[in-house]
Amino acid sequence: MQVLSEDFLLNLASSIEKKVDQTLRMIEKKYAIRSRYLKKKNACIYADINPRTLDKWLAKGLEISKIDGCYRIDTKDIDRFIKKYRI
């Protein structure tokens, strides 16, 4: 004997799927998981550093692009920069 109806179970599954999708999109946006080109703030999150450290890295040669006043840092450049200073 099934306690819950088939309709209820389908609606429950659909609701859970929607909530999981919403949560994943929020996490991706908040932590810049899927974006290759990051704002300075998200570059700090990506590299787990503070903004002052990012400014030091930029002074040491980390590349940054400026397009119409918008700054973007390529995650591949961040990875290369970190690898360059590996000890």
Protein backbone atom coordinates (compact mmCIF):
# COMPACT_ATOMS: atom_id res chain seq x y z
CA MET A 1 0.00 0.00 0.00
CA GLN A 2 1.33 3.38 -1.02
CA VAL A 3 0.81 6.13 1.58
CA LEU A 4 1.53 9.06 -0.72
CA SER A 5 -0.15 9.54 -4.08
CA GLU A 6 1.78 9.37 -7.33
CA ASP A 7 0.82 13.01 -8.07
CA PHE A 8 2.15 14.13 -4.71
CA LEU A 9 5.44 12.32 -5.25
CA LEU A 10 5.85 13.79 -8.75
CA ASN A 11 5.13 17.30 -7.47
CA LEU A 12 7.53 16.80 -4.58
CA ALA A 13 10.29 15.61 -6.91
CA SER A 14 9.70 18.56 -9.24
CA SER A 15 9.79 21.04 -6.35
CA ILE A 16 13.02 19.56 -5.00
CA GLU A 17 14.62 19.68 -8.45
CA LYS A 18 13.67 23.36 -8.91
CA LYS A 19 15.03 24.28 -5.46
CA VAL A 20 18.32 22.46 -6.10
CA ASP A 21 18.69 24.23 -9.48
CA GLN A 22 18.01 27.63 -7.88
CA THR A 23 20.51 26.96 -5.11
CA LEU A 24 23.21 25.83 -7.55
CA ARG A 25 22.72 28.96 -9.68
CA MET A 26 23.01 31.14 -6.57
CA ILE A 27 26.20 29.37 -5.48
CA GLU A 28 27.70 29.62 -8.97
CA LYS A 29 26.97 33.34 -9.11
CA LYS A 30 28.14 34.08 -5.57
CA TYR A 31 31.39 32.19 -5.88
CA ALA A 32 32.07 32.79 -9.60
CA ILE A 33 32.37 29.08 -10.22
CA ARG A 34 31.50 28.97 -13.90
CA SER A 35 32.78 32.30 -15.13
CA ARG A 36 36.22 32.37 -16.76
CA TYR A 37 36.59 36.16 -16.69
CA LEU A 38 36.17 37.60 -13.22
CA LYS A 39 35.63 40.98 -11.65
CA LYS A 40 38.30 41.88 -9.10
CA LYS A 41 35.99 40.90 -6.23
CA ASN A 42 35.32 37.48 -7.73
CA ALA A 43 38.99 37.00 -8.58
CA CYS A 44 39.71 37.42 -4.86
CA ILE A 45 37.10 34.80 -4.04
CA TYR A 46 38.46 32.48 -6.74
CA ALA A 47 42.05 32.77 -5.45
CA ASP A 48 41.01 32.95 -1.78
CA ILE A 49 42.88 36.22 -1.23
CA ASN A 50 41.99 39.71 -0.05
CA PRO A 51 41.84 42.77 -2.36
CA ARG A 52 45.20 44.12 -1.15
CA THR A 53 46.87 40.86 -2.09
CA LEU A 54 45.26 41.02 -5.52
CA ASP A 55 46.67 44.53 -5.99
CA LYS A 56 50.13 43.20 -5.09
CA TRP A 57 49.73 40.35 -7.60
CA LEU A 58 48.71 42.83 -10.29
CA ALA A 59 51.80 44.90 -9.51
CA LYS A 60 53.90 41.71 -9.86
CA GLY A 61 52.50 41.04 -13.32
CA LEU A 62 49.14 39.28 -13.03
CA GLU A 63 47.34 40.29 -16.21
CA ILE A 64 44.06 42.21 -16.17
CA SER A 65 41.85 43.41 -19.01
CA LYS A 66 39.99 46.70 -19.10
CA ILE A 67 37.09 47.06 -21.51
CA ASP A 68 35.00 50.24 -21.35
CA GLY A 69 36.00 50.76 -17.72
CA CYS A 70 35.21 47.16 -16.70
CA TYR A 71 38.11 45.17 -15.31
CA ARG A 72 38.26 41.41 -15.81
CA ILE A 73 40.84 38.81 -14.81
CA ASP A 74 41.08 35.48 -16.60
CA THR A 75 41.01 32.49 -14.25
CA LYS A 76 43.66 30.84 -16.42
CA ASP A 77 45.96 33.82 -15.78
CA ILE A 78 45.37 33.51 -12.04
CA ASP A 79 46.22 29.79 -12.17
CA ARG A 80 49.38 30.47 -14.22
CA PHE A 81 50.43 33.27 -11.86
CA ILE A 82 50.04 31.05 -8.81
CA LYS A 83 51.89 28.20 -10.52
CA LYS A 84 54.73 30.59 -11.46
CA TYR A 85 55.41 31.23 -7.76
CA ARG A 86 55.19 27.60 -6.69
CA ILE A 87 58.08 26.60 -4.38
